[in-house]
Amino acid sequence: MNIHITIGPLLALIAGILILLMPRLLNFIVAIYFIAIGLIGLFGLGAFHLH
């Protein structure tokens, strides 16, 4: 059985959980998420899969 996990949805899940746990961190989490997605898009890490 192979499980493929892409980084974008994984980051979104982690960010969503952190926002639910600590709403005051919303600005920082959104900023970090956007930076991470931008870096993934620029450097092509979106095709990275964990097996």
C-alpha atoms as a PDB file:
ATOM      1  CA  MET A   1       0.000   0.000   0.000  1.00  0.00           C
ATOM      2  CA  ASN A   2       1.427   3.368  -1.059  1.00  0.00           C
ATOM      3  CA  ILE A   3       0.459   6.604   0.650  1.00  0.00           C
ATOM      4  CA  HIS A   4       1.181   9.800  -1.260  1.00  0.00           C
ATOM      5  CA  ILE A   5       1.247  12.999   0.798  1.00  0.00           C
ATOM      6  CA  THR A   6       1.840  16.350  -0.853  1.00  0.00           C
ATOM      7  CA  ILE A   7       3.205  19.242   1.136  1.00  0.00           C
ATOM      8  CA  GLY A   8       0.516  21.851   0.335  1.00  0.00           C
ATOM      9  CA  PRO A   9      -2.454  20.043   1.903  1.00  0.00           C
ATOM     10  CA  LEU A  10      -0.298  18.918   4.825  1.00  0.00           C
ATOM     11  CA  LEU A  11       0.665  22.526   5.577  1.00  0.00           C
ATOM     12  CA  ALA A  12      -2.962  23.597   5.295  1.00  0.00           C
ATOM     13  CA  LEU A  13      -4.006  20.901   7.780  1.00  0.00           C
ATOM     14  CA  ILE A  14      -1.337  21.902  10.298  1.00  0.00           C
ATOM     15  CA  ALA A  15      -2.201  25.593   9.916  1.00  0.00           C
ATOM     16  CA  GLY A  16      -5.905  24.887  10.406  1.00  0.00           C
ATOM     17  CA  ILE A  17      -5.281  22.901  13.578  1.00  0.00           C
ATOM     18  CA  LEU A  18      -3.028  25.618  15.006  1.00  0.00           C
ATOM     19  CA  ILE A  19      -5.620  28.300  14.239  1.00  0.00           C
ATOM     20  CA  LEU A  20      -8.294  26.272  16.039  1.00  0.00           C
ATOM     21  CA  LEU A  21      -6.049  25.767  19.066  1.00  0.00           C
ATOM     22  CA  MET A  22      -4.684  29.322  19.252  1.00  0.00           C
ATOM     23  CA  PRO A  23      -6.759  31.903  17.304  1.00  0.00           C
ATOM     24  CA  ARG A  24      -4.368  34.726  18.246  1.00  0.00           C
ATOM     25  CA  LEU A  25      -1.730  33.150  16.010  1.00  0.00           C
ATOM     26  CA  LEU A  26      -3.899  33.550  12.910  1.00  0.00           C
ATOM     27  CA  ASN A  27      -1.854  36.372  11.346  1.00  0.00           C
ATOM     28  CA  PHE A  28       1.448  34.569  11.845  1.00  0.00           C
ATOM     29  CA  ILE A  29       0.131  31.219  10.635  1.00  0.00           C
ATOM     30  CA  VAL A  30      -1.381  32.734   7.497  1.00  0.00           C
ATOM     31  CA  ALA A  31       1.830  34.627   6.742  1.00  0.00           C
ATOM     32  CA  ILE A  32       3.993  31.535   7.232  1.00  0.00           C
ATOM     33  CA  TYR A  33       1.580  29.463   5.147  1.00  0.00           C
ATOM     34  CA  PHE A  34       1.691  31.934   2.253  1.00  0.00           C
ATOM     35  CA  ILE A  35       5.490  32.097   2.406  1.00  0.00           C
ATOM     36  CA  ALA A  36       5.733  28.304   2.432  1.00  0.00           C
ATOM     37  CA  ILE A  37       3.320  27.889  -0.495  1.00  0.00           C
ATOM     38  CA  GLY A  38       5.231  30.555  -2.433  1.00  0.00           C
ATOM     39  CA  LEU A  39       8.543  28.806  -1.833  1.00  0.00           C
ATOM     40  CA  ILE A  40       7.057  25.450  -2.799  1.00  0.00           C
ATOM     41  CA  GLY A  41       5.733  26.984  -6.002  1.00  0.00           C
ATOM     42  CA  LEU A  42       9.031  28.663  -6.860  1.00  0.00           C
ATOM     43  CA  PHE A  43      11.283  25.719  -6.172  1.00  0.00           C
ATOM     44  CA  GLY A  44       8.964  23.000  -7.461  1.00  0.00           C
ATOM     45  CA  LEU A  45       8.633  21.039  -4.236  1.00  0.00           C
ATOM     46  CA  GLY A  46       4.943  20.501  -4.950  1.00  0.00           C
ATOM     47  CA  ALA A  47       5.821  17.290  -6.778  1.00  0.00           C
ATOM     48  CA  PHE A  48       7.553  15.864  -3.674  1.00  0.00           C
ATOM     49  CA  HIS A  49       5.825  12.695  -2.474  1.00  0.00           C
ATOM     50  CA  LEU A  50       6.463  10.612   0.632  1.00  0.00           C
ATOM     51  CA  HIS A  51       6.213   6.877   0.077  1.00  0.00           C
END
